[in-house]
Amino acid sequence: MVSQQDQPLAQEIEAIIREHLNTDITPRFIQTTLEQKLGRDLSEQKSQIKKLSIEVYQQIQNQKEKERMQMAKKPKEKKPRPANAAQTGLQKELKLAPELSEFMGGVETMARTTVVQRIWQYVKDNKLQDEKDGRKIKPDAKLLTIFGNTDEEITAFTMNKLITPLFLNDDGTRKQPNYEAAAKRKAAKLRRQEQEKLYGKRGKNGKLLKKRRILPKYDEHGNIIKRPNNMPAMKLSAQMQRITGAPIMTRPEVVKAMWAYIKDKQLQDPVQKKIIHCDDNMKAIVGLDQVTGFEMNKYITPHMLEKVPKPEEAK
């Protein structure tokens, strides 16, 4: 909690953080901005500013998280179904076969969901569930009048398939299970499970919920076996060679060499480290006076001229 004495300074810090909320800011950057705004040196309050900056930033993030949770809790408003809308899908009432109609007390039409509910109610009222596995049903004589003497075990999953022929089409013929659609769903499920084994599960938006961790492999001495670098070696432009000091490199090696050059020449901004002030050699690559570490990568590609074949490929 920010004390009453520190409130004025905390308010100034909060204003700076909110203004630069979408950028990378540091306590040093906040102190510099405060000094420019207040017109005095704040070096003696460095530790106090750092502590207040962290506290204020955490308060802002906690407030944002609380607002996000409140928005997530708001139930989505369902559009009311029009009174004159035709019944479709599972809500549509279907004609019942004679044996099912008799089981349901002489009703001629009923929605499929209602039929399943009534059957389950009958099972529970007459205690026909298996004692060890409640999903399994031990049918009595009345229940066998609709399911027949089937060899297939009656469970919560097989019931839907077994009751399909107990509904009638408009021409009076019995409906049949769609085995082709079921086979397609099963194949799709297996494909999805295989994908999840390789890449992890995905949410409704298609994004990975949790990235699958690739475990390291070890040799006989217990040392981690490094994965081979399959990036091709490339011939570099003359401008890039002034920075890397080598005519041929892979892309990761080029990035590593560029960062070594930047740090050696002290080209990073002293306040915001992600900003790079370009010297003549860097300007020849990016064409700008300054660039960020993220933007720098897109300027590397034009200076990687052509792939160098591996020794086995050259043969």
C-alpha atoms as a PDB file:
ATOM      1  CA  MET A   1       0.000   0.000   0.000  1.00  0.00           C
ATOM      2  CA  VAL A   2       1.240   3.481  -0.884  1.00  0.00           C
ATOM      3  CA  SER A   3       1.540   5.699   2.205  1.00  0.00           C
ATOM      4  CA  GLN A   4      -0.208   9.099   2.450  1.00  0.00           C
ATOM      5  CA  GLN A   5       3.158  10.843   2.331  1.00  0.00           C
ATOM      6  CA  ASP A   6       4.088   9.175  -0.985  1.00  0.00           C
ATOM      7  CA  GLN A   7       0.693   9.786  -2.635  1.00  0.00           C
ATOM      8  CA  PRO A   8       1.709  12.888  -4.719  1.00  0.00           C
ATOM      9  CA  LEU A   9       4.789  11.107  -6.119  1.00  0.00           C
ATOM     10  CA  ALA A  10       2.801   7.907  -6.697  1.00  0.00           C
ATOM     11  CA  GLN A  11       0.191   9.861  -8.704  1.00  0.00           C
ATOM     12  CA  GLU A  12       2.910  11.313 -10.949  1.00  0.00           C
ATOM     13  CA  ILE A  13       4.368   7.805 -11.451  1.00  0.00           C
ATOM     14  CA  GLU A  14       0.915   6.375 -12.236  1.00  0.00           C
ATOM     15  CA  ALA A  15       0.355   9.050 -14.896  1.00  0.00           C
ATOM     16  CA  ILE A  16       3.686   8.137 -16.567  1.00  0.00           C
ATOM     17  CA  ILE A  17       2.997   4.379 -16.427  1.00  0.00           C
ATOM     18  CA  ARG A  18      -0.515   4.753 -17.879  1.00  0.00           C
ATOM     19  CA  GLU A  19       0.847   6.964 -20.678  1.00  0.00           C
ATOM     20  CA  HIS A  20       3.462   4.313 -21.628  1.00  0.00           C
ATOM     21  CA  LEU A  21       1.449   1.226 -20.640  1.00  0.00           C
ATOM     22  CA  ASN A  22       1.856  -0.501 -24.029  1.00  0.00           C
ATOM     23  CA  THR A  23       5.642  -0.022 -24.145  1.00  0.00           C
ATOM     24  CA  ASP A  24       8.543  -1.436 -22.161  1.00  0.00           C
ATOM     25  CA  ILE A  25       9.305   0.970 -19.306  1.00  0.00           C
ATOM     26  CA  THR A  26      11.824   0.726 -16.480  1.00  0.00           C
ATOM     27  CA  PRO A  27      12.191   2.514 -13.108  1.00  0.00           C
ATOM     28  CA  ARG A  28      15.141   4.378 -14.637  1.00  0.00           C
ATOM     29  CA  PHE A  29      12.928   5.649 -17.486  1.00  0.00           C
ATOM     30  CA  ILE A  30      10.260   6.728 -14.952  1.00  0.00           C
ATOM     31  CA  GLN A  31      12.885   8.589 -12.864  1.00  0.00           C
ATOM     32  CA  THR A  32      14.238  10.397 -15.965  1.00  0.00           C
ATOM     33  CA  THR A  33      10.712  11.397 -17.041  1.00  0.00           C
ATOM     34  CA  LEU A  34       9.924  12.641 -13.505  1.00  0.00           C
ATOM     35  CA  GLU A  35      13.107  14.730 -13.440  1.00  0.00           C
ATOM     36  CA  GLN A  36      12.170  16.350 -16.770  1.00  0.00           C
ATOM     37  CA  LYS A  37       8.611  16.966 -15.589  1.00  0.00           C
ATOM     38  CA  LEU A  38       9.467  18.306 -12.109  1.00  0.00           C
ATOM     39  CA  GLY A  39      12.661  20.093 -13.157  1.00  0.00           C
ATOM     40  CA  ARG A  40      14.911  18.730 -10.388  1.00  0.00           C
ATOM     41  CA  ASP A  41      17.370  15.921  -9.689  1.00  0.00           C
ATOM     42  CA  LEU A  42      15.814  12.870  -8.028  1.00  0.00           C
ATOM     43  CA  SER A  43      18.940  10.715  -7.617  1.00  0.00           C
ATOM     44  CA  GLU A  44      18.540  10.603  -3.830  1.00  0.00           C
ATOM     45  CA  GLN A  45      14.999   9.201  -4.238  1.00  0.00           C
ATOM     46  CA  LYS A  46      16.079   6.480  -6.687  1.00  0.00           C
ATOM     47  CA  SER A  47      15.190   3.520  -4.416  1.00  0.00           C
ATOM     48  CA  GLN A  48      11.899   5.152  -3.375  1.00  0.00           C
ATOM     49  CA  ILE A  49      10.911   5.747  -7.028  1.00  0.00           C
ATOM     50  CA  LYS A  50      11.787   2.152  -7.925  1.00  0.00           C
ATOM     51  CA  LYS A  51       9.693   0.766  -5.044  1.00  0.00           C
ATOM     52  CA  LEU A  52       6.718   3.044  -5.854  1.00  0.00           C
ATOM     53  CA  SER A  53       6.956   2.219  -9.583  1.00  0.00           C
ATOM     54  CA  ILE A  54       6.657  -1.519  -8.877  1.00  0.00           C
ATOM     55  CA  GLU A  55       3.756  -1.025  -6.435  1.00  0.00           C
ATOM     56  CA  VAL A  56       1.825   1.291  -8.783  1.00  0.00           C
ATOM     57  CA  TYR A  57       2.412  -0.967 -11.782  1.00  0.00           C
ATOM     58  CA  GLN A  58       1.129  -4.002  -9.847  1.00  0.00           C
ATOM     59  CA  GLN A  59      -1.955  -2.053  -8.729  1.00  0.00           C
ATOM     60  CA  ILE A  60      -2.739  -1.105 -12.346  1.00  0.00           C
ATOM     61  CA  GLN A  61      -2.292  -4.703 -13.530  1.00  0.00           C
ATOM     62  CA  ASN A  62      -4.473  -6.042 -10.670  1.00  0.00           C
ATOM     63  CA  GLN A  63      -7.191  -3.525 -11.551  1.00  0.00           C
ATOM     64  CA  LYS A  64      -7.080  -4.551 -15.222  1.00  0.00           C
ATOM     65  CA  GLU A  65      -7.274  -8.250 -14.284  1.00  0.00           C
ATOM     66  CA  LYS A  66     -10.253  -7.573 -11.984  1.00  0.00           C
ATOM     67  CA  GLU A  67     -12.060  -5.705 -14.791  1.00  0.00           C
ATOM     68  CA  ARG A  68     -11.314  -8.539 -17.218  1.00  0.00           C
ATOM     69  CA  MET A  69     -12.714 -11.131 -14.786  1.00  0.00           C
ATOM     70  CA  GLN A  70     -15.860  -9.077 -14.259  1.00  0.00           C
ATOM     71  CA  MET A  71     -16.385  -8.847 -18.015  1.00  0.00           C
ATOM     72  CA  ALA A  72     -15.887 -12.614 -18.349  1.00  0.00           C
ATOM     73  CA  LYS A  73     -18.512 -13.291 -15.646  1.00  0.00           C
ATOM     74  CA  LYS A  74     -21.224 -11.384 -17.517  1.00  0.00           C
ATOM     75  CA  PRO A  75     -23.550 -14.011 -19.037  1.00  0.00           C
ATOM     76  CA  LYS A  76     -24.139 -13.799 -22.745  1.00  0.00           C
ATOM     77  CA  GLU A  77     -27.692 -12.819 -23.576  1.00  0.00           C
ATOM     78  CA  LYS A  78     -29.457 -15.559 -25.495  1.00  0.00           C
ATOM     79  CA  LYS A  79     -31.807 -14.455 -28.214  1.00  0.00           C
ATOM     80  CA  PRO A  80     -35.341 -15.657 -27.449  1.00  0.00           C
ATOM     81  CA  ARG A  81     -36.659 -18.271 -29.846  1.00  0.00           C
ATOM     82  CA  PRO A  82     -39.583 -16.905 -31.898  1.00  0.00           C
ATOM     83  CA  ALA A  83     -42.941 -18.371 -30.841  1.00  0.00           C
ATOM     84  CA  ASN A  84     -43.832 -19.329 -34.419  1.00  0.00           C
ATOM     85  CA  ALA A  85     -40.392 -20.847 -35.237  1.00  0.00           C
ATOM     86  CA  ALA A  86     -40.446 -24.394 -36.607  1.00  0.00           C
ATOM     87  CA  GLN A  87     -39.050 -27.098 -34.323  1.00  0.00           C
ATOM     88  CA  THR A  88     -35.750 -28.449 -35.611  1.00  0.00           C
ATOM     89  CA  GLY A  89     -32.966 -30.788 -34.547  1.00  0.00           C
ATOM     90  CA  LEU A  90     -33.314 -32.453 -31.139  1.00  0.00           C
ATOM     91  CA  GLN A  91     -36.379 -30.353 -30.231  1.00  0.00           C
ATOM     92  CA  LYS A  92     -38.424 -31.606 -33.181  1.00  0.00           C
ATOM     93  CA  GLU A  93     -41.178 -34.063 -32.260  1.00  0.00           C
ATOM     94  CA  LEU A  94     -40.871 -37.374 -34.129  1.00  0.00           C
ATOM     95  CA  LYS A  95     -43.341 -40.164 -34.793  1.00  0.00           C
ATOM     96  CA  LEU A  96     -42.874 -43.112 -32.433  1.00  0.00           C
ATOM     97  CA  ALA A  97     -42.866 -46.790 -33.421  1.00  0.00           C
ATOM     98  CA  PRO A  98     -45.758 -48.829 -31.888  1.00  0.00           C
ATOM     99  CA  GLU A  99     -43.607 -50.491 -29.183  1.00  0.00           C
ATOM    100  CA  LEU A 100     -42.073 -47.157 -28.085  1.00  0.00           C
ATOM    101  CA  SER A 101     -45.482 -45.447 -28.182  1.00  0.00           C
ATOM    102  CA  GLU A 102     -46.857 -48.159 -25.872  1.00  0.00           C
ATOM    103  CA  PHE A 103     -43.856 -47.773 -23.503  1.00  0.00           C
ATOM    104  CA  MET A 104     -44.501 -44.006 -23.361  1.00  0.00           C
ATOM    105  CA  GLY A 105     -48.169 -44.468 -22.466  1.00  0.00           C
ATOM    106  CA  GLY A 106     -49.735 -44.253 -25.916  1.00  0.00           C
ATOM    107  CA  VAL A 107     -48.091 -40.972 -27.009  1.00  0.00           C
ATOM    108  CA  GLU A 108     -47.673 -40.912 -30.820  1.00  0.00           C
ATOM    109  CA  THR A 109     -45.055 -38.125 -31.148  1.00  0.00           C
ATOM    110  CA  MET A 110     -42.243 -37.009 -28.856  1.00  0.00           C
ATOM    111  CA  ALA A 111     -38.862 -35.219 -29.078  1.00  0.00           C
ATOM    112  CA  ARG A 112     -35.832 -37.518 -29.000  1.00  0.00           C
ATOM    113  CA  THR A 113     -34.402 -35.795 -25.908  1.00  0.00           C
ATOM    114  CA  THR A 114     -37.655 -36.333 -24.010  1.00  0.00           C
ATOM    115  CA  VAL A 115     -37.656 -40.040 -24.957  1.00  0.00           C
ATOM    116  CA  VAL A 116     -34.125 -40.464 -23.550  1.00  0.00           C
ATOM    117  CA  GLN A 117     -35.080 -38.616 -20.345  1.00  0.00           C
ATOM    118  CA  ARG A 118     -38.174 -40.800 -19.846  1.00  0.00           C
ATOM    119  CA  ILE A 119     -36.199 -44.026 -20.379  1.00  0.00           C
ATOM    120  CA  TRP A 120     -33.509 -42.909 -17.889  1.00  0.00           C
ATOM    121  CA  GLN A 121     -36.188 -41.961 -15.376  1.00  0.00           C
ATOM    122  CA  TYR A 122     -37.693 -45.456 -15.732  1.00  0.00           C
ATOM    123  CA  VAL A 123     -34.236 -47.046 -15.270  1.00  0.00           C
ATOM    124  CA  LYS A 124     -33.563 -45.047 -12.088  1.00  0.00           C
ATOM    125  CA  ASP A 125     -37.057 -45.585 -10.640  1.00  0.00           C
ATOM    126  CA  ASN A 126     -36.735 -49.356 -11.095  1.00  0.00           C
ATOM    127  CA  LYS A 127     -33.047 -49.482 -10.054  1.00  0.00           C
ATOM    128  CA  LEU A 128     -31.880 -51.083 -13.323  1.00  0.00           C
ATOM    129  CA  GLN A 129     -28.368 -49.546 -13.292  1.00  0.00           C
ATOM    130  CA  ASP A 130     -25.404 -51.836 -12.706  1.00  0.00           C
ATOM    131  CA  GLU A 131     -24.171 -51.533  -9.110  1.00  0.00           C
ATOM    132  CA  LYS A 132     -20.475 -51.418 -10.108  1.00  0.00           C
ATOM    133  CA  ASP A 133     -20.841 -49.300 -13.250  1.00  0.00           C
ATOM    134  CA  GLY A 134     -23.810 -46.919 -13.269  1.00  0.00           C
ATOM    135  CA  ARG A 135     -23.468 -46.375 -17.035  1.00  0.00           C
ATOM    136  CA  LYS A 136     -24.571 -49.952 -17.736  1.00  0.00           C
ATOM    137  CA  ILE A 137     -28.295 -50.873 -17.756  1.00  0.00           C
ATOM    138  CA  LYS A 138     -29.763 -54.246 -16.756  1.00  0.00           C
ATOM    139  CA  PRO A 139     -33.061 -54.229 -18.729  1.00  0.00           C
ATOM    140  CA  ASP A 140     -36.233 -55.754 -17.306  1.00  0.00           C
ATOM    141  CA  ALA A 141     -39.059 -57.325 -19.367  1.00  0.00           C
ATOM    142  CA  LYS A 142     -40.727 -53.973 -20.126  1.00  0.00           C
ATOM    143  CA  LEU A 143     -37.486 -52.343 -21.276  1.00  0.00           C
ATOM    144  CA  LEU A 144     -36.742 -55.333 -23.525  1.00  0.00           C
ATOM    145  CA  THR A 145     -39.998 -54.632 -25.405  1.00  0.00           C
ATOM    146  CA  ILE A 146     -38.322 -51.571 -26.977  1.00  0.00           C
ATOM    147  CA  PHE A 147     -34.681 -52.700 -27.099  1.00  0.00           C
ATOM    148  CA  GLY A 148     -35.408 -56.326 -28.023  1.00  0.00           C
ATOM    149  CA  ASN A 149     -33.116 -59.254 -27.304  1.00  0.00           C
ATOM    150  CA  THR A 150     -29.991 -57.428 -28.434  1.00  0.00           C
ATOM    151  CA  ASP A 151     -26.551 -58.977 -27.899  1.00  0.00           C
ATOM    152  CA  GLU A 152     -25.100 -55.476 -27.539  1.00  0.00           C
ATOM    153  CA  GLU A 153     -24.619 -54.199 -24.013  1.00  0.00           C
ATOM    154  CA  ILE A 154     -27.027 -51.359 -23.189  1.00  0.00           C
ATOM    155  CA  THR A 155     -25.150 -48.339 -21.832  1.00  0.00           C
ATOM    156  CA  ALA A 156     -25.601 -44.568 -21.761  1.00  0.00           C
ATOM    157  CA  PHE A 157     -23.626 -44.438 -25.039  1.00  0.00           C
ATOM    158  CA  THR A 158     -25.248 -47.314 -26.974  1.00  0.00           C
ATOM    159  CA  MET A 159     -28.802 -46.333 -25.987  1.00  0.00           C
ATOM    160  CA  ASN A 160     -28.967 -43.507 -28.562  1.00  0.00           C
ATOM    161  CA  LYS A 161     -28.038 -45.911 -31.358  1.00  0.00           C
ATOM    162  CA  LEU A 162     -30.520 -48.571 -30.170  1.00  0.00           C
ATOM    163  CA  ILE A 163     -33.501 -46.186 -29.978  1.00  0.00           C
ATOM    164  CA  THR A 164     -32.994 -44.738 -33.503  1.00  0.00           C
ATOM    165  CA  PRO A 165     -35.124 -47.476 -35.215  1.00  0.00           C
ATOM    166  CA  LEU A 166     -37.921 -46.704 -32.711  1.00  0.00           C
ATOM    167  CA  PHE A 167     -38.645 -43.429 -34.557  1.00  0.00           C
ATOM    168  CA  LEU A 168     -40.528 -43.322 -37.882  1.00  0.00           C
ATOM    169  CA  ASN A 169     -39.904 -41.331 -41.046  1.00  0.00           C
ATOM    170  CA  ASP A 170     -42.753 -39.427 -42.727  1.00  0.00           C
ATOM    171  CA  ASP A 171     -43.418 -42.423 -45.022  1.00  0.00           C
ATOM    172  CA  GLY A 172     -43.784 -44.775 -42.022  1.00  0.00           C
ATOM    173  CA  THR A 173     -40.405 -46.509 -42.402  1.00  0.00           C
ATOM    174  CA  ARG A 174     -38.085 -46.811 -39.423  1.00  0.00           C
ATOM    175  CA  LYS A 175     -35.085 -44.501 -39.081  1.00  0.00           C
ATOM    176  CA  GLN A 176     -31.653 -46.111 -39.225  1.00  0.00           C
ATOM    177  CA  PRO A 177     -28.404 -45.079 -37.471  1.00  0.00           C
ATOM    178  CA  ASN A 178     -26.053 -43.102 -39.721  1.00  0.00           C
ATOM    179  CA  TYR A 179     -23.001 -45.369 -39.468  1.00  0.00           C
ATOM    180  CA  GLU A 180     -21.101 -43.398 -42.134  1.00  0.00           C
ATOM    181  CA  ALA A 181     -21.360 -40.138 -40.172  1.00  0.00           C
ATOM    182  CA  ALA A 182     -20.373 -41.947 -36.967  1.00  0.00           C
ATOM    183  CA  ALA A 183     -17.310 -43.413 -38.710  1.00  0.00           C
ATOM    184  CA  LYS A 184     -16.306 -39.932 -39.938  1.00  0.00           C
ATOM    185  CA  ARG A 185     -16.661 -38.476 -36.429  1.00  0.00           C
ATOM    186  CA  LYS A 186     -14.559 -41.301 -34.997  1.00  0.00           C
ATOM    187  CA  ALA A 187     -11.846 -40.798 -37.645  1.00  0.00           C
ATOM    188  CA  ALA A 188     -11.827 -37.030 -37.004  1.00  0.00           C
ATOM    189  CA  LYS A 189     -11.512 -37.661 -33.255  1.00  0.00           C
ATOM    190  CA  LEU A 190      -8.540 -39.986 -33.804  1.00  0.00           C
ATOM    191  CA  ARG A 191      -6.844 -37.416 -36.065  1.00  0.00           C
ATOM    192  CA  ARG A 192      -7.406 -34.706 -33.434  1.00  0.00           C
ATOM    193  CA  GLN A 193      -5.934 -36.930 -30.715  1.00  0.00           C
ATOM    194  CA  GLU A 194      -2.849 -37.604 -32.864  1.00  0.00           C
ATOM    195  CA  GLN A 195      -2.418 -33.858 -33.440  1.00  0.00           C
ATOM    196  CA  GLU A 196      -2.772 -33.193 -29.701  1.00  0.00           C
ATOM    197  CA  LYS A 197      -0.023 -35.761 -28.972  1.00  0.00           C
ATOM    198  CA  LEU A 198       2.332 -33.864 -31.298  1.00  0.00           C
ATOM    199  CA  TYR A 199       1.399 -30.226 -30.722  1.00  0.00           C
ATOM    200  CA  GLY A 200      -0.833 -30.115 -27.588  1.00  0.00           C
ATOM    201  CA  LYS A 201      -4.524 -29.329 -27.104  1.00  0.00           C
ATOM    202  CA  ARG A 202      -6.192 -26.369 -28.791  1.00  0.00           C
ATOM    203  CA  GLY A 203      -8.991 -24.146 -27.487  1.00  0.00           C
ATOM    204  CA  LYS A 204     -12.166 -23.053 -29.286  1.00  0.00           C
ATOM    205  CA  ASN A 205     -10.229 -20.211 -30.949  1.00  0.00           C
ATOM    206  CA  GLY A 206      -7.757 -22.712 -32.446  1.00  0.00           C
ATOM    207  CA  LYS A 207      -4.811 -21.535 -30.340  1.00  0.00           C
ATOM    208  CA  LEU A 208      -2.695 -23.926 -28.293  1.00  0.00           C
ATOM    209  CA  LEU A 209      -3.866 -24.125 -24.670  1.00  0.00           C
ATOM    210  CA  LYS A 210      -0.490 -25.363 -23.500  1.00  0.00           C
ATOM    211  CA  LYS A 211       2.597 -25.954 -25.600  1.00  0.00           C
ATOM    212  CA  ARG A 212       3.891 -29.498 -25.438  1.00  0.00           C
ATOM    213  CA  ARG A 213       7.301 -29.629 -23.836  1.00  0.00           C
ATOM    214  CA  ILE A 214       9.966 -31.408 -25.886  1.00  0.00           C
ATOM    215  CA  LEU A 215      12.077 -33.392 -23.435  1.00  0.00           C
ATOM    216  CA  PRO A 216      15.852 -33.438 -24.021  1.00  0.00           C
ATOM    217  CA  LYS A 217      17.669 -36.594 -25.132  1.00  0.00           C
ATOM    218  CA  TYR A 218      20.755 -37.829 -23.292  1.00  0.00           C
ATOM    219  CA  ASP A 219      23.805 -39.781 -24.450  1.00  0.00           C
ATOM    220  CA  GLU A 220      25.325 -42.767 -22.623  1.00  0.00           C
ATOM    221  CA  HIS A 221      27.318 -40.432 -20.350  1.00  0.00           C
ATOM    222  CA  GLY A 222      24.239 -38.486 -19.237  1.00  0.00           C
ATOM    223  CA  ASN A 223      24.997 -35.368 -21.319  1.00  0.00           C
ATOM    224  CA  ILE A 224      22.188 -33.603 -23.215  1.00  0.00           C
ATOM    225  CA  ILE A 225      22.328 -34.282 -26.956  1.00  0.00           C
ATOM    226  CA  LYS A 226      21.913 -30.965 -28.741  1.00  0.00           C
ATOM    227  CA  ARG A 227      19.464 -30.956 -31.618  1.00  0.00           C
ATOM    228  CA  PRO A 228      21.161 -30.455 -34.987  1.00  0.00           C
ATOM    229  CA  ASN A 229      21.030 -26.974 -36.503  1.00  0.00           C
ATOM    230  CA  ASN A 230      19.269 -27.449 -39.844  1.00  0.00           C
ATOM    231  CA  MET A 231      19.453 -23.771 -40.827  1.00  0.00           C
ATOM    232  CA  PRO A 232      21.348 -23.441 -44.134  1.00  0.00           C
ATOM    233  CA  ALA A 233      24.587 -21.464 -44.355  1.00  0.00           C
ATOM    234  CA  MET A 234      24.195 -18.354 -46.545  1.00  0.00           C
ATOM    235  CA  LYS A 235      26.560 -16.045 -48.427  1.00  0.00           C
ATOM    236  CA  LEU A 236      26.400 -12.574 -46.883  1.00  0.00           C
ATOM    237  CA  SER A 237      26.479  -9.159 -48.561  1.00  0.00           C
ATOM    238  CA  ALA A 238      29.529  -6.911 -48.242  1.00  0.00           C
ATOM    239  CA  GLN A 239      27.604  -4.603 -45.873  1.00  0.00           C
ATOM    240  CA  MET A 240      26.718  -7.523 -43.572  1.00  0.00           C
ATOM    241  CA  GLN A 241      30.299  -8.847 -43.645  1.00  0.00           C
ATOM    242  CA  ARG A 242      31.505  -5.539 -42.108  1.00  0.00           C
ATOM    243  CA  ILE A 243      29.417  -6.398 -39.034  1.00  0.00           C
ATOM    244  CA  THR A 244      29.756 -10.178 -38.829  1.00  0.00           C
ATOM    245  CA  GLY A 245      33.385 -10.400 -39.991  1.00  0.00           C
ATOM    246  CA  ALA A 246      32.602 -13.587 -41.961  1.00  0.00           C
ATOM    247  CA  PRO A 247      31.394 -14.160 -45.563  1.00  0.00           C
ATOM    248  CA  ILE A 248      29.223 -17.243 -44.778  1.00  0.00           C
ATOM    249  CA  MET A 249      26.900 -17.784 -41.789  1.00  0.00           C
ATOM    250  CA  THR A 250      23.551 -19.268 -40.799  1.00  0.00           C
ATOM    251  CA  ARG A 251      20.770 -16.855 -39.820  1.00  0.00           C
ATOM    252  CA  PRO A 252      21.047 -17.561 -36.041  1.00  0.00           C
ATOM    253  CA  GLU A 253      24.796 -16.920 -36.278  1.00  0.00           C
ATOM    254  CA  VAL A 254      24.155 -13.604 -38.096  1.00  0.00           C
ATOM    255  CA  VAL A 255      21.709 -12.453 -35.390  1.00  0.00           C
ATOM    256  CA  LYS A 256      24.191 -13.429 -32.667  1.00  0.00           C
ATOM    257  CA  ALA A 257      27.034 -11.601 -34.442  1.00  0.00           C
ATOM    258  CA  MET A 258      24.918  -8.448 -34.921  1.00  0.00           C
ATOM    259  CA  TRP A 259      24.048  -8.314 -31.216  1.00  0.00           C
ATOM    260  CA  ALA A 260      27.715  -8.823 -30.322  1.00  0.00           C
ATOM    261  CA  TYR A 261      28.577  -5.886 -32.626  1.00  0.00           C
ATOM    262  CA  ILE A 262      25.819  -3.703 -31.103  1.00  0.00           C
ATOM    263  CA  LYS A 263      27.004  -4.356 -27.545  1.00  0.00           C
ATOM    264  CA  ASP A 264      30.682  -3.972 -28.460  1.00  0.00           C
ATOM    265  CA  LYS A 265      29.993  -0.561 -30.081  1.00  0.00           C
ATOM    266  CA  GLN A 266      27.546   0.424 -27.268  1.00  0.00           C
ATOM    267  CA  LEU A 267      24.745   1.260 -29.716  1.00  0.00           C
ATOM    268  CA  GLN A 268      21.873   0.508 -27.318  1.00  0.00           C
ATOM    269  CA  ASP A 269      19.934   3.412 -25.829  1.00  0.00           C
ATOM    270  CA  PRO A 270      21.032   3.856 -22.180  1.00  0.00           C
ATOM    271  CA  VAL A 271      17.406   4.244 -20.967  1.00  0.00           C
ATOM    272  CA  GLN A 272      15.419   1.970 -23.312  1.00  0.00           C
ATOM    273  CA  LYS A 273      17.704  -0.942 -24.173  1.00  0.00           C
ATOM    274  CA  LYS A 274      15.437  -2.228 -26.966  1.00  0.00           C
ATOM    275  CA  ILE A 275      16.246   0.883 -29.085  1.00  0.00           C
ATOM    276  CA  ILE A 276      19.463   0.703 -31.138  1.00  0.00           C
ATOM    277  CA  HIS A 277      21.186   3.869 -32.416  1.00  0.00           C
ATOM    278  CA  CYS A 278      22.730   2.899 -35.761  1.00  0.00           C
ATOM    279  CA  ASP A 279      26.295   3.751 -36.753  1.00  0.00           C
ATOM    280  CA  ASP A 280      27.380   3.833 -40.431  1.00  0.00           C
ATOM    281  CA  ASN A 281      27.704   0.039 -40.714  1.00  0.00           C
ATOM    282  CA  MET A 282      24.250  -0.550 -39.154  1.00  0.00           C
ATOM    283  CA  LYS A 283      22.689   2.173 -41.352  1.00  0.00           C
ATOM    284  CA  ALA A 284      23.952   0.264 -44.398  1.00  0.00           C
ATOM    285  CA  ILE A 285      21.855  -2.695 -43.220  1.00  0.00           C
ATOM    286  CA  VAL A 286      18.622  -1.102 -41.928  1.00  0.00           C
ATOM    287  CA  GLY A 287      18.692   2.303 -43.636  1.00  0.00           C
ATOM    288  CA  LEU A 288      17.508   4.072 -40.450  1.00  0.00           C
ATOM    289  CA  ASP A 289      19.055   6.196 -37.689  1.00  0.00           C
ATOM    290  CA  GLN A 290      17.567   3.953 -35.018  1.00  0.00           C
ATOM    291  CA  VAL A 291      15.753   0.609 -34.910  1.00  0.00           C
ATOM    292  CA  THR A 292      14.369  -1.789 -32.275  1.00  0.00           C
ATOM    293  CA  GLY A 293      15.665  -5.295 -31.651  1.00  0.00           C
ATOM    294  CA  PHE A 294      12.428  -6.797 -32.978  1.00  0.00           C
ATOM    295  CA  GLU A 295      12.404  -4.717 -36.187  1.00  0.00           C
ATOM    296  CA  MET A 296      16.056  -5.495 -36.909  1.00  0.00           C
ATOM    297  CA  ASN A 297      15.312  -9.102 -37.952  1.00  0.00           C
ATOM    298  CA  LYS A 298      13.317  -8.113 -41.047  1.00  0.00           C
ATOM    299  CA  TYR A 299      16.317  -6.149 -42.442  1.00  0.00           C
ATOM    300  CA  ILE A 300      18.617  -9.196 -42.279  1.00  0.00           C
ATOM    301  CA  THR A 301      16.955 -11.226 -45.086  1.00  0.00           C
ATOM    302  CA  PRO A 302      17.996  -8.982 -48.069  1.00  0.00           C
ATOM    303  CA  HIS A 303      21.655  -9.319 -46.989  1.00  0.00           C
ATOM    304  CA  MET A 304      21.593 -13.138 -47.001  1.00  0.00           C
ATOM    305  CA  LEU A 305      22.270 -13.631 -50.696  1.00  0.00           C
ATOM    306  CA  GLU A 306      22.287 -17.354 -51.510  1.00  0.00           C
ATOM    307  CA  LYS A 307      22.376 -20.756 -49.903  1.00  0.00           C
ATOM    308  CA  VAL A 308      25.745 -22.486 -49.598  1.00  0.00           C
ATOM    309  CA  PRO A 309      25.410 -26.246 -50.277  1.00  0.00           C
ATOM    310  CA  LYS A 310      26.614 -28.637 -47.590  1.00  0.00           C
ATOM    311  CA  PRO A 311      29.736 -30.732 -48.394  1.00  0.00           C
ATOM    312  CA  GLU A 312      27.643 -33.929 -48.930  1.00  0.00           C
ATOM    313  CA  GLU A 313      25.241 -31.996 -51.237  1.00  0.00           C
ATOM    314  CA  ALA A 314      28.144 -30.589 -53.281  1.00  0.00           C
ATOM    315  CA  LYS A 315      29.351 -34.113 -54.053  1.00  0.00           C
END
